[in-house]
Structures are given as C-alpha cells and as structure tokens.
N, C-alpha and C. Protein backbone atom coordinates (compact mmCIF):
# COMPACT_ATOMS: atom_id res chain seq x y z
N MET A 1 44.75 -65.90 59.95
CA MET A 1 45.67 -65.02 60.58
C MET A 1 45.86 -64.10 59.06
N SER A 2 45.62 -63.00 59.03
CA SER A 2 45.86 -62.29 57.93
C SER A 2 47.59 -61.60 57.75
N ARG A 3 47.91 -61.70 56.30
CA ARG A 3 49.29 -61.10 56.35
C ARG A 3 49.55 -59.81 56.67
N ARG A 4 50.41 -59.08 56.99
CA ARG A 4 50.93 -57.97 57.32
C ARG A 4 52.03 -57.26 56.67
N SER A 5 52.04 -56.49 55.99
CA SER A 5 53.62 -56.05 55.40
C SER A 5 53.86 -55.19 56.27
N SER A 6 55.34 -55.52 56.55
CA SER A 6 55.88 -54.81 57.55
C SER A 6 56.52 -53.25 56.93
N SER A 7 56.05 -52.84 55.73
CA SER A 7 55.92 -51.81 55.34
C SER A 7 54.87 -50.51 55.38
N HIS A 8 54.16 -51.31 56.00
CA HIS A 8 52.67 -50.53 55.91
C HIS A 8 51.97 -50.61 57.40
N PHE A 9 51.20 -49.92 57.65
CA PHE A 9 50.42 -49.82 59.18
C PHE A 9 49.32 -50.88 59.05
N ASN A 10 48.88 -51.74 59.76
CA ASN A 10 47.36 -52.59 59.15
C ASN A 10 46.42 -51.91 59.07
N LEU A 11 45.33 -52.30 58.78
CA LEU A 11 43.94 -51.87 58.17
C LEU A 11 43.32 -51.08 59.34
N LEU A 12 43.33 -51.55 60.58
CA LEU A 12 42.81 -50.97 61.74
C LEU A 12 43.64 -49.73 62.28
N ALA A 13 44.80 -49.62 62.10
CA ALA A 13 45.87 -48.67 62.46
C ALA A 13 45.26 -47.20 61.50
N ARG A 14 45.28 -47.74 60.25
CA ARG A 14 45.06 -46.74 59.21
C ARG A 14 43.51 -46.30 59.15
N ALA A 15 42.48 -47.29 59.50
CA ALA A 15 41.21 -46.74 59.79
C ALA A 15 41.24 -45.77 60.95
N LEU A 16 41.39 -45.98 62.14
CA LEU A 16 41.57 -45.16 63.23
C LEU A 16 42.53 -43.88 63.05
N HIS A 17 43.46 -44.40 62.25
CA HIS A 17 44.40 -43.03 62.11
C HIS A 17 43.50 -41.78 61.26
N TRP A 18 42.86 -42.08 60.05
CA TRP A 18 42.07 -41.12 59.34
C TRP A 18 40.70 -40.83 60.08
N SER A 19 39.99 -41.69 60.52
CA SER A 19 38.99 -41.29 61.73
C SER A 19 39.07 -40.36 62.56
N MET A 20 40.55 -40.71 63.57
CA MET A 20 40.44 -39.76 64.47
C MET A 20 41.21 -37.93 64.02
N ALA A 21 41.60 -38.43 62.75
CA ALA A 21 41.93 -37.06 62.38
C ALA A 21 40.98 -36.35 62.01
N VAL A 22 40.19 -36.89 61.43
CA VAL A 22 38.55 -36.05 61.18
C VAL A 22 38.23 -35.78 62.43
N LEU A 23 38.00 -36.23 63.30
CA LEU A 23 37.49 -36.06 64.80
C LEU A 23 38.23 -35.09 65.38
N ILE A 24 39.56 -35.21 65.46
CA ILE A 24 40.61 -34.02 66.39
C ILE A 24 40.19 -32.75 65.41
N LEU A 25 40.67 -32.95 64.33
CA LEU A 25 40.26 -31.56 63.46
C LEU A 25 38.93 -31.03 64.13
N ALA A 26 37.69 -31.71 63.50
CA ALA A 26 36.59 -31.11 64.09
C ALA A 26 36.49 -30.78 65.25
N MET A 27 36.77 -31.48 66.24
CA MET A 27 37.16 -30.99 67.71
C MET A 27 37.68 -29.73 68.23
N LEU A 28 38.82 -29.58 67.07
CA LEU A 28 39.88 -28.12 67.62
C LEU A 28 38.76 -26.99 66.78
N PHE A 29 38.39 -27.36 65.67
CA PHE A 29 37.04 -25.99 65.24
C PHE A 29 36.42 -26.02 66.26
N ILE A 30 35.27 -26.93 66.70
CA ILE A 30 34.39 -26.75 67.34
C ILE A 30 34.80 -26.07 68.81
N GLY A 31 35.77 -26.66 69.27
CA GLY A 31 36.70 -25.63 70.53
C GLY A 31 36.68 -24.45 70.18
N VAL A 32 37.20 -23.95 69.33
CA VAL A 32 37.32 -22.45 69.00
C VAL A 32 36.07 -21.67 69.03
N THR A 33 35.19 -22.34 68.10
CA THR A 33 34.03 -21.70 67.63
C THR A 33 32.97 -21.63 69.15
N MET A 34 33.57 -22.81 69.98
CA MET A 34 32.48 -22.58 71.00
C MET A 34 32.95 -21.58 72.41
N VAL A 35 34.17 -21.15 72.14
CA VAL A 35 34.64 -20.14 73.08
C VAL A 35 34.69 -18.70 72.32
N THR A 36 33.87 -18.45 71.30
CA THR A 36 33.86 -17.32 70.68
C THR A 36 32.32 -16.88 70.01
N SER A 37 31.79 -18.22 70.33
CA SER A 37 30.15 -17.77 69.91
C SER A 37 29.10 -18.02 70.91
N LEU A 38 28.60 -17.18 71.25
CA LEU A 38 27.44 -17.40 72.42
C LEU A 38 26.15 -17.89 71.78
N THR A 39 25.75 -17.59 70.54
CA THR A 39 24.30 -18.37 69.91
C THR A 39 24.86 -19.79 69.83
N LEU A 40 26.15 -20.28 69.09
CA LEU A 40 26.61 -21.37 68.86
C LEU A 40 26.88 -22.47 70.18
N ARG A 41 27.15 -22.15 71.40
CA ARG A 41 27.89 -22.28 72.25
C ARG A 41 27.12 -23.55 73.04
N PRO A 42 26.07 -23.48 73.23
CA PRO A 42 25.20 -24.68 73.95
C PRO A 42 25.25 -25.89 72.86
N VAL A 43 24.85 -25.62 71.92
CA VAL A 43 25.12 -26.50 70.63
C VAL A 43 26.04 -27.17 70.44
N LEU A 44 27.42 -26.51 70.47
CA LEU A 44 28.64 -27.35 70.07
C LEU A 44 28.73 -27.97 71.31
N ILE A 45 28.81 -27.33 72.85
CA ILE A 45 28.98 -28.29 73.99
C ILE A 45 28.73 -29.43 73.61
N ASP A 46 27.09 -29.22 73.46
CA ASP A 46 26.25 -30.60 73.47
C ASP A 46 27.05 -31.86 72.49
N LEU A 47 27.83 -31.10 71.42
CA LEU A 47 28.65 -32.13 70.55
C LEU A 47 29.92 -32.26 71.13
N HIS A 48 30.61 -31.09 71.57
CA HIS A 48 31.92 -31.36 72.06
C HIS A 48 32.12 -32.51 73.12
N ARG A 49 31.23 -32.59 74.05
CA ARG A 49 31.65 -33.93 75.02
C ARG A 49 31.39 -35.19 74.58
N PRO A 50 30.44 -35.53 73.61
CA PRO A 50 30.44 -37.00 73.15
C PRO A 50 31.50 -37.07 72.27
N LEU A 51 32.01 -36.17 71.54
CA LEU A 51 33.11 -36.49 70.42
C LEU A 51 34.37 -36.87 71.22
N GLY A 52 34.66 -35.76 72.32
CA GLY A 52 35.61 -35.98 73.40
C GLY A 52 35.84 -37.17 73.70
N ILE A 53 34.65 -38.15 74.38
CA ILE A 53 34.66 -39.45 74.66
C ILE A 53 35.04 -40.26 73.64
N ALA A 54 34.22 -39.94 72.31
CA ALA A 54 34.43 -40.76 71.47
C ALA A 54 35.91 -40.95 71.07
N ILE A 55 36.69 -39.71 71.17
CA ILE A 55 38.25 -39.70 70.75
C ILE A 55 38.95 -40.54 72.00
N LEU A 56 38.42 -40.03 73.01
CA LEU A 56 39.19 -41.06 74.52
C LEU A 56 39.07 -42.63 74.11
N LEU A 57 38.10 -43.26 73.65
CA LEU A 57 37.66 -44.53 73.54
C LEU A 57 38.50 -44.85 72.57
N LEU A 58 38.41 -44.09 71.03
CA LEU A 58 39.17 -44.56 69.90
C LEU A 58 40.80 -44.48 70.11
N ALA A 59 41.13 -43.52 70.77
CA ALA A 59 42.54 -43.33 71.20
C ALA A 59 43.09 -44.72 71.99
N LEU A 60 42.38 -45.21 72.84
CA LEU A 60 42.72 -46.31 73.77
C LEU A 60 42.80 -47.21 72.82
N LEU A 61 41.75 -47.64 72.05
CA LEU A 61 41.82 -48.57 70.85
C LEU A 61 43.15 -48.37 70.01
N ARG A 62 43.21 -47.20 69.76
CA ARG A 62 44.62 -47.07 68.71
C ARG A 62 45.76 -47.52 69.29
N LEU A 63 45.96 -47.02 70.86
CA LEU A 63 46.75 -47.44 71.54
C LEU A 63 47.13 -48.98 71.69
N GLY A 64 46.19 -49.60 72.06
CA GLY A 64 46.11 -51.10 72.22
C GLY A 64 47.02 -51.79 70.91
N ASN A 65 46.22 -51.28 69.35
CA ASN A 65 46.50 -51.78 68.26
C ASN A 65 47.93 -51.51 67.88
N ARG A 66 48.32 -50.21 68.45
CA ARG A 66 49.62 -49.83 67.95
C ARG A 66 50.79 -50.74 69.02
N LEU A 67 50.37 -51.04 70.20
CA LEU A 67 51.50 -51.47 71.01
C LEU A 67 51.37 -53.37 70.32
N ARG A 68 50.23 -53.82 69.96
CA ARG A 68 50.30 -55.11 69.48
C ARG A 68 50.96 -55.01 68.10
N HIS A 69 50.62 -54.24 67.20
CA HIS A 69 51.03 -54.30 66.11
C HIS A 69 52.02 -52.88 65.98
N PRO A 70 53.60 -53.25 65.78
CA PRO A 70 54.28 -51.81 65.75
C PRO A 70 54.29 -51.37 64.72
N PRO A 71 54.80 -49.93 64.50
CA PRO A 71 54.57 -49.24 63.36
C PRO A 71 55.49 -49.82 62.16
N PRO A 72 55.42 -49.32 60.95
CA PRO A 72 56.46 -50.20 60.03
C PRO A 72 57.66 -49.27 60.46
N PRO A 73 59.10 -49.94 60.09
CA PRO A 73 60.19 -48.89 60.29
C PRO A 73 60.62 -47.45 59.51
N LEU A 74 61.26 -46.79 60.32
CA LEU A 74 61.40 -45.58 59.21
C LEU A 74 62.42 -45.79 58.48
N PRO A 75 63.11 -45.00 57.22
CA PRO A 75 63.52 -44.95 56.31
C PRO A 75 65.28 -45.30 57.07
N GLY A 76 65.68 -45.99 56.83
CA GLY A 76 67.32 -46.12 57.25
C GLY A 76 68.13 -44.75 57.16
N ASP A 77 67.88 -44.25 55.99
CA ASP A 77 68.63 -43.02 55.91
C ASP A 77 68.14 -41.88 56.37
N LEU A 78 67.13 -41.52 57.12
CA LEU A 78 66.56 -40.58 57.51
C LEU A 78 67.46 -40.15 58.90
N PRO A 79 68.07 -38.95 59.11
CA PRO A 79 68.51 -38.48 60.14
C PRO A 79 68.10 -39.07 61.80
N ALA A 80 69.02 -39.23 62.24
CA ALA A 80 68.80 -39.64 63.59
C ALA A 80 67.64 -38.58 64.65
N ILE A 81 67.92 -37.47 64.45
CA ILE A 81 67.29 -36.28 64.90
C ILE A 81 65.70 -36.39 64.69
N GLN A 82 65.53 -36.68 63.19
CA GLN A 82 64.16 -36.32 62.56
C GLN A 82 63.49 -37.88 63.05
N LYS A 83 64.47 -39.12 63.42
CA LYS A 83 63.73 -40.24 63.62
C LYS A 83 63.31 -39.98 65.04
N PHE A 84 64.14 -39.50 66.05
CA PHE A 84 63.41 -39.12 67.23
C PHE A 84 62.45 -38.17 67.00
N ALA A 85 62.13 -37.21 66.68
CA ALA A 85 61.06 -36.25 66.36
C ALA A 85 59.80 -37.20 66.33
N ALA A 86 59.96 -38.13 65.26
CA ALA A 86 58.82 -38.84 64.53
C ALA A 86 58.31 -39.64 66.05
N VAL A 87 59.58 -40.06 66.73
CA VAL A 87 59.09 -41.29 67.64
C VAL A 87 58.24 -40.15 68.87
N ALA A 88 58.92 -39.35 69.00
CA ALA A 88 58.68 -38.42 70.33
C ALA A 88 57.09 -37.50 69.75
N SER A 89 56.96 -37.17 68.58
CA SER A 89 55.68 -36.70 68.22
C SER A 89 54.58 -37.75 68.29
N HIS A 90 54.90 -38.65 67.63
CA HIS A 90 53.78 -39.98 67.75
C HIS A 90 53.23 -40.23 69.52
N TRP A 91 54.07 -40.09 70.30
CA TRP A 91 53.78 -40.37 71.51
C TRP A 91 53.44 -39.10 72.19
N LEU A 92 53.67 -37.86 71.91
CA LEU A 92 53.08 -37.03 72.37
C LEU A 92 51.46 -36.92 71.82
N LEU A 93 51.33 -36.97 70.43
CA LEU A 93 50.04 -37.00 70.03
C LEU A 93 48.87 -38.03 70.66
N TYR A 94 49.66 -39.46 71.28
CA TYR A 94 48.75 -40.02 71.92
C TYR A 94 48.43 -39.94 73.28
N ALA A 95 49.85 -39.07 73.76
CA ALA A 95 49.54 -38.19 75.25
C ALA A 95 48.24 -37.16 75.45
N LEU A 96 48.60 -36.53 74.29
CA LEU A 96 47.24 -35.43 74.18
C LEU A 96 45.90 -35.78 73.83
N MET A 97 45.82 -37.06 72.71
CA MET A 97 44.70 -37.75 72.79
C MET A 97 43.94 -38.32 73.87
N LEU A 98 44.78 -38.88 74.42
CA LEU A 98 44.05 -39.07 76.00
C LEU A 98 43.90 -38.17 77.05
N ALA A 99 44.72 -37.35 77.30
CA ALA A 99 44.58 -35.89 78.15
C ALA A 99 43.59 -35.25 77.91
N MET A 100 43.67 -34.96 76.91
CA MET A 100 42.66 -33.70 76.35
C MET A 100 41.04 -34.27 76.81
N PRO A 101 40.57 -35.21 76.85
CA PRO A 101 39.22 -35.80 76.77
C PRO A 101 39.15 -36.04 78.66
N LEU A 102 40.04 -36.64 79.06
CA LEU A 102 40.50 -36.73 80.54
C LEU A 102 40.19 -35.54 81.05
N ILE A 103 40.98 -34.42 80.79
CA ILE A 103 41.03 -33.25 81.52
C ILE A 103 39.84 -32.40 81.38
N GLY A 104 39.20 -32.65 80.10
CA GLY A 104 37.94 -31.73 79.60
C GLY A 104 36.92 -32.70 81.06
N TRP A 105 36.61 -33.72 80.62
CA TRP A 105 35.59 -34.56 81.65
C TRP A 105 36.07 -34.16 82.84
N ALA A 106 37.37 -34.10 83.74
CA ALA A 106 37.36 -33.72 84.65
C ALA A 106 37.03 -32.34 85.29
N MET A 107 37.43 -31.52 84.07
CA MET A 107 37.11 -29.85 84.16
C MET A 107 35.29 -30.00 84.52
N VAL A 108 34.49 -30.47 83.86
CA VAL A 108 33.05 -30.36 83.30
C VAL A 108 32.52 -30.81 84.85
N SER A 109 33.26 -32.23 85.44
CA SER A 109 33.02 -32.66 86.50
C SER A 109 33.17 -31.57 88.00
N ALA A 110 34.31 -30.98 87.77
CA ALA A 110 34.72 -30.21 88.88
C ALA A 110 33.87 -29.02 88.56
N GLY A 111 33.26 -28.61 87.76
CA GLY A 111 32.51 -27.40 87.49
C GLY A 111 30.84 -27.47 88.23
N GLY A 112 30.74 -29.01 88.31
CA GLY A 112 29.46 -29.28 88.77
C GLY A 112 28.67 -29.33 87.81
N TYR A 113 29.16 -29.40 86.34
CA TYR A 113 27.90 -29.74 85.28
C TYR A 113 27.96 -31.29 85.04
N PRO A 114 26.85 -31.52 84.55
CA PRO A 114 26.67 -33.14 84.22
C PRO A 114 27.37 -33.27 83.10
N VAL A 115 27.64 -34.34 82.78
CA VAL A 115 28.44 -34.69 81.72
C VAL A 115 27.44 -35.80 80.79
N VAL A 116 26.82 -35.12 80.19
CA VAL A 116 25.54 -35.64 79.35
C VAL A 116 26.04 -36.09 77.80
N MET A 117 25.81 -37.57 77.63
CA MET A 117 26.02 -37.77 76.06
C MET A 117 24.96 -37.99 75.35
N LEU A 118 25.15 -38.57 74.25
CA LEU A 118 24.22 -38.51 73.38
C LEU A 118 22.87 -39.65 73.96
N GLY A 119 22.06 -39.35 73.77
CA GLY A 119 21.01 -40.02 74.42
C GLY A 119 20.37 -39.96 76.15
N GLY A 120 20.98 -38.86 76.17
CA GLY A 120 20.77 -38.69 77.50
C GLY A 120 21.63 -39.35 78.50
N VAL A 121 22.67 -40.31 78.10
CA VAL A 121 23.27 -41.03 79.18
C VAL A 121 24.29 -40.10 79.76
N HIS A 122 24.23 -40.10 81.12
CA HIS A 122 25.08 -39.23 81.99
C HIS A 122 26.33 -39.89 82.58
N LEU A 123 27.43 -39.47 82.48
CA LEU A 123 28.64 -40.08 82.84
C LEU A 123 28.98 -39.41 84.19
N PRO A 124 29.88 -40.48 85.11
CA PRO A 124 29.91 -39.93 86.54
C PRO A 124 31.14 -38.77 86.69
N ALA A 125 30.83 -38.27 87.61
CA ALA A 125 31.83 -37.30 87.77
C ALA A 125 33.16 -38.04 88.01
N ILE A 126 34.33 -37.20 87.64
CA ILE A 126 35.52 -37.91 87.74
C ILE A 126 36.71 -37.02 88.78
N ALA A 127 36.23 -35.88 88.91
CA ALA A 127 36.75 -34.70 89.80
C ALA A 127 35.61 -34.43 90.90
N PRO A 128 36.34 -33.59 92.02
CA PRO A 128 35.33 -32.97 92.90
C PRO A 128 34.94 -31.81 92.46
N HIS A 129 33.61 -31.65 93.05
CA HIS A 129 33.34 -30.17 92.57
C HIS A 129 33.98 -29.15 93.29
N SER A 130 34.77 -28.66 92.58
CA SER A 130 35.73 -27.42 93.07
C SER A 130 35.84 -26.30 91.95
N PRO A 131 35.56 -24.69 92.41
CA PRO A 131 35.71 -23.82 91.31
C PRO A 131 37.26 -23.74 91.11
N GLU A 132 37.82 -23.87 92.27
CA GLU A 132 39.36 -23.42 91.82
C GLU A 132 39.81 -24.79 91.08
N LEU A 133 39.73 -25.85 91.12
CA LEU A 133 40.15 -27.13 90.54
C LEU A 133 39.39 -26.97 89.04
N PHE A 134 38.40 -26.52 88.74
CA PHE A 134 37.89 -26.40 87.29
C PHE A 134 38.25 -25.08 86.85
N ALA A 135 38.76 -24.34 87.41
CA ALA A 135 39.79 -22.92 86.82
C ALA A 135 41.16 -23.56 86.10
N LEU A 136 41.91 -24.41 87.03
CA LEU A 136 43.10 -25.03 86.79
C LEU A 136 43.13 -25.87 85.49
N LEU A 137 41.86 -26.74 85.68
CA LEU A 137 41.65 -27.76 84.50
C LEU A 137 41.19 -27.08 83.31
N ARG A 138 40.55 -25.83 83.35
CA ARG A 138 40.01 -25.27 82.45
C ARG A 138 41.10 -24.64 81.61
N LEU A 139 41.86 -24.08 82.21
CA LEU A 139 43.61 -23.41 81.61
C LEU A 139 43.95 -24.53 81.13
N ALA A 140 43.99 -25.61 81.90
CA ALA A 140 45.28 -27.03 81.36
C ALA A 140 44.64 -27.41 79.66
N HIS A 141 43.19 -27.26 79.71
CA HIS A 141 42.65 -28.07 78.48
C HIS A 141 42.72 -27.03 77.41
N GLY A 142 42.69 -25.53 77.51
CA GLY A 142 43.15 -24.78 76.58
C GLY A 142 44.66 -24.44 76.25
N LEU A 143 45.31 -24.70 77.08
CA LEU A 143 46.89 -24.81 76.76
C LEU A 143 47.16 -26.02 76.02
N LEU A 144 46.55 -27.23 76.42
CA LEU A 144 46.84 -28.27 75.70
C LEU A 144 46.04 -28.30 74.41
N ALA A 145 44.99 -27.73 73.97
CA ALA A 145 44.49 -27.58 73.10
C ALA A 145 45.07 -26.91 71.90
N TYR A 146 46.31 -25.79 72.46
CA TYR A 146 47.21 -25.21 71.47
C TYR A 146 48.44 -26.08 71.28
N ALA A 147 48.60 -27.12 72.18
CA ALA A 147 49.71 -27.97 71.85
C ALA A 147 49.26 -28.95 70.82
N LEU A 148 48.03 -29.54 70.91
CA LEU A 148 47.73 -30.65 69.85
C LEU A 148 47.53 -29.48 68.65
N PHE A 149 46.85 -28.66 68.76
CA PHE A 149 46.92 -27.90 67.32
C PHE A 149 48.42 -27.71 66.87
N ALA A 150 49.39 -27.52 67.63
CA ALA A 150 50.80 -27.16 67.13
C ALA A 150 51.48 -28.52 66.60
N THR A 151 51.06 -29.65 67.61
CA THR A 151 51.41 -31.12 67.27
C THR A 151 51.08 -31.71 65.84
N VAL A 152 49.68 -31.40 65.68
CA VAL A 152 49.02 -31.65 64.38
C VAL A 152 49.45 -31.04 63.62
N LEU A 153 49.94 -29.63 63.41
CA LEU A 153 50.30 -28.89 62.22
C LEU A 153 51.96 -29.71 61.86
N MET A 154 52.41 -29.97 63.07
CA MET A 154 53.90 -30.39 62.79
C MET A 154 53.76 -31.58 62.05
N HIS A 155 52.76 -32.87 62.68
CA HIS A 155 52.98 -33.92 61.98
C HIS A 155 52.05 -33.91 60.35
N LEU A 156 51.22 -33.05 60.45
CA LEU A 156 50.75 -32.74 58.71
C LEU A 156 52.13 -32.47 57.92
N SER A 157 52.84 -31.27 58.53
CA SER A 157 54.03 -30.92 57.92
C SER A 157 54.96 -32.27 57.53
N ALA A 158 55.30 -32.80 58.57
CA ALA A 158 56.21 -34.04 58.25
C ALA A 158 55.65 -35.06 57.08
N ALA A 159 54.26 -35.05 57.35
CA ALA A 159 53.77 -36.51 56.44
C ALA A 159 53.72 -35.58 54.94
N LEU A 160 53.61 -34.31 54.73
CA LEU A 160 53.76 -33.77 53.50
C LEU A 160 55.32 -33.70 52.99
N TYR A 161 56.21 -33.79 53.98
CA TYR A 161 57.70 -33.70 53.54
C TYR A 161 57.99 -34.86 53.11
N HIS A 162 57.39 -35.78 53.77
CA HIS A 162 57.76 -37.41 53.15
C HIS A 162 57.17 -37.76 52.05
N ALA A 163 55.87 -37.05 51.80
CA ALA A 163 55.13 -37.55 50.66
C ALA A 163 55.63 -36.70 49.19
N TRP A 164 56.22 -35.45 49.63
CA TRP A 164 56.14 -34.71 48.51
C TRP A 164 57.89 -34.49 48.34
N VAL A 165 58.49 -34.31 49.35
CA VAL A 165 60.01 -34.06 49.11
C VAL A 165 60.87 -35.24 49.19
N ARG A 166 60.51 -36.02 50.15
CA ARG A 166 61.57 -37.55 50.31
C ARG A 166 60.98 -38.37 49.36
N ARG A 167 59.60 -38.72 49.29
CA ARG A 167 58.88 -39.81 48.66
C ARG A 167 59.49 -40.93 49.04
N ASP A 168 59.67 -41.31 50.25
CA ASP A 168 60.19 -42.50 50.97
C ASP A 168 59.40 -43.54 51.30
N GLY A 169 58.08 -43.09 51.18
CA GLY A 169 57.12 -44.45 51.66
C GLY A 169 56.35 -44.02 52.90
N VAL A 170 56.79 -43.50 53.49
CA VAL A 170 56.28 -43.03 54.94
C VAL A 170 55.15 -42.49 55.35
N PHE A 171 54.45 -41.87 53.85
CA PHE A 171 53.67 -41.05 53.87
C PHE A 171 52.43 -42.66 53.48
N SER A 172 52.70 -43.23 52.33
CA SER A 172 52.10 -43.98 51.97
C SER A 172 51.65 -45.39 52.75
N SER A 173 52.58 -45.51 53.68
CA SER A 173 52.63 -46.66 54.44
C SER A 173 51.19 -46.41 55.62
N MET A 174 50.71 -45.22 55.71
CA MET A 174 49.22 -44.81 56.63
C MET A 174 48.46 -44.52 55.09
N ALA A 175 48.84 -44.25 54.20
CA ALA A 175 48.05 -43.63 53.54
C ALA A 175 47.26 -44.93 52.81
N ARG A 176 48.07 -45.66 52.21
CA ARG A 176 47.06 -46.82 51.82
C ARG A 176 47.54 -48.10 52.44
N GLY A 177 47.11 -49.23 51.93
CA GLY A 177 47.80 -50.54 52.40
C GLY A 177 48.84 -50.92 51.50
N PRO A 178 49.42 -52.18 51.59
CA PRO A 178 50.02 -52.74 50.47
C PRO A 178 49.88 -53.14 49.44
N ALA A 179 50.32 -52.86 48.26
CA ALA A 179 49.77 -53.31 46.95
C ALA A 179 49.34 -54.63 46.76
N ARG A 180 48.35 -55.05 46.49
CA ARG A 180 48.20 -56.61 46.33
C ARG A 180 48.84 -57.26 45.26
N GLU A 181 49.20 -58.47 45.56
CA GLU A 181 50.07 -59.10 44.37
C GLU A 181 49.11 -59.59 43.34
N GLN A 182 49.98 -59.41 42.20
CA GLN A 182 49.15 -59.78 41.29
C GLN A 182 49.51 -61.51 40.82
N PRO A 183 48.22 -62.22 40.33
CA PRO A 183 48.49 -63.53 40.28
C PRO A 183 49.27 -64.00 39.00
C-alpha cells in the first residue's frame, strides 16, 4: 500500500483533475463553436458525443476515488463561508460533470438521433423519442453549460487566490504531490 500525505490529493485524483479540466474546457469551446458554426457542426458533434461520454465515465471514476480518498483538509484559518463555498462548489462540479453528459445523451435520444461513439459503436437510447422532451433537455443542457462555465471560472479564481494571495498550500495539494523525502 502506498503512503499518502494528508496534505495532498492522491495521484489518481490529481491525474483525473487535470485531464478532466482539459476535457471540460475543450467541451465548453466545442459546444460554443458547435452552435455557432454550420460548417464545423457535423465534425464537432461527432467529437462532442464521445468526449461527453468519456467525461461521464471519468467523473464516475473520480467520484469513486474521492469517496474512497477524502480530500486534504482546508486551512484552519480559512473563514467558514469560504470553506462552505469550497465544499459546495466541488459537489456542484461533480453534479454538473455527471448531469451534463447524461442530459446530453438523453437529449439526443429524445431527438431520435443515434448516439454514435468512435469506431461506430452505438449507445442505447436512454429517453423516449419525444420532440417536447428533446426541447426541454436541449434547454437544460444549454443552461447547465452556462452554470458549468461559471462554476469553472469560480473554481479557477479560487485556485489562483489560494496560489497567489493566500499561498496556503491548497493549490499545491492538487498541482503536485507531496515532496519526496531526502535520504
């Protein structure tokens, strides 16, 4: 069994965090471009769907790791409102990382479109074909995308605040592992 520093996230948590950060930012830009470009839309949709499913699977793995390996404690001198905001925003991010792909999958299913992954693999429909349900899910997917974007901006702002202003180790707990002990 490997040793784990209580002041740092484990290696799997850090790897998932940074890889998912790249995927989520890519998805936000792909989504915006997808709805504004008619020429790129088909290619971006073909990219958007498998990336969404990848994010869903990685989010499930990440949630399992988070429940198994609790995060390091926040600094004791952090105001209670900031501790609450940190915990609440992290759970909001998890909820959005799970909800966005599921709502997108359900939306495509309700629209009667095939959910085609890379290699031509088709996922089953998870919602009945219904134009009304499609419209509702499309609206929800779009609104939650704005919520995800805002939450990511707040998360990034808080990370930079901890790194540059407080310099309290919160940022480094996710940015790198514990320092190796010198013999």
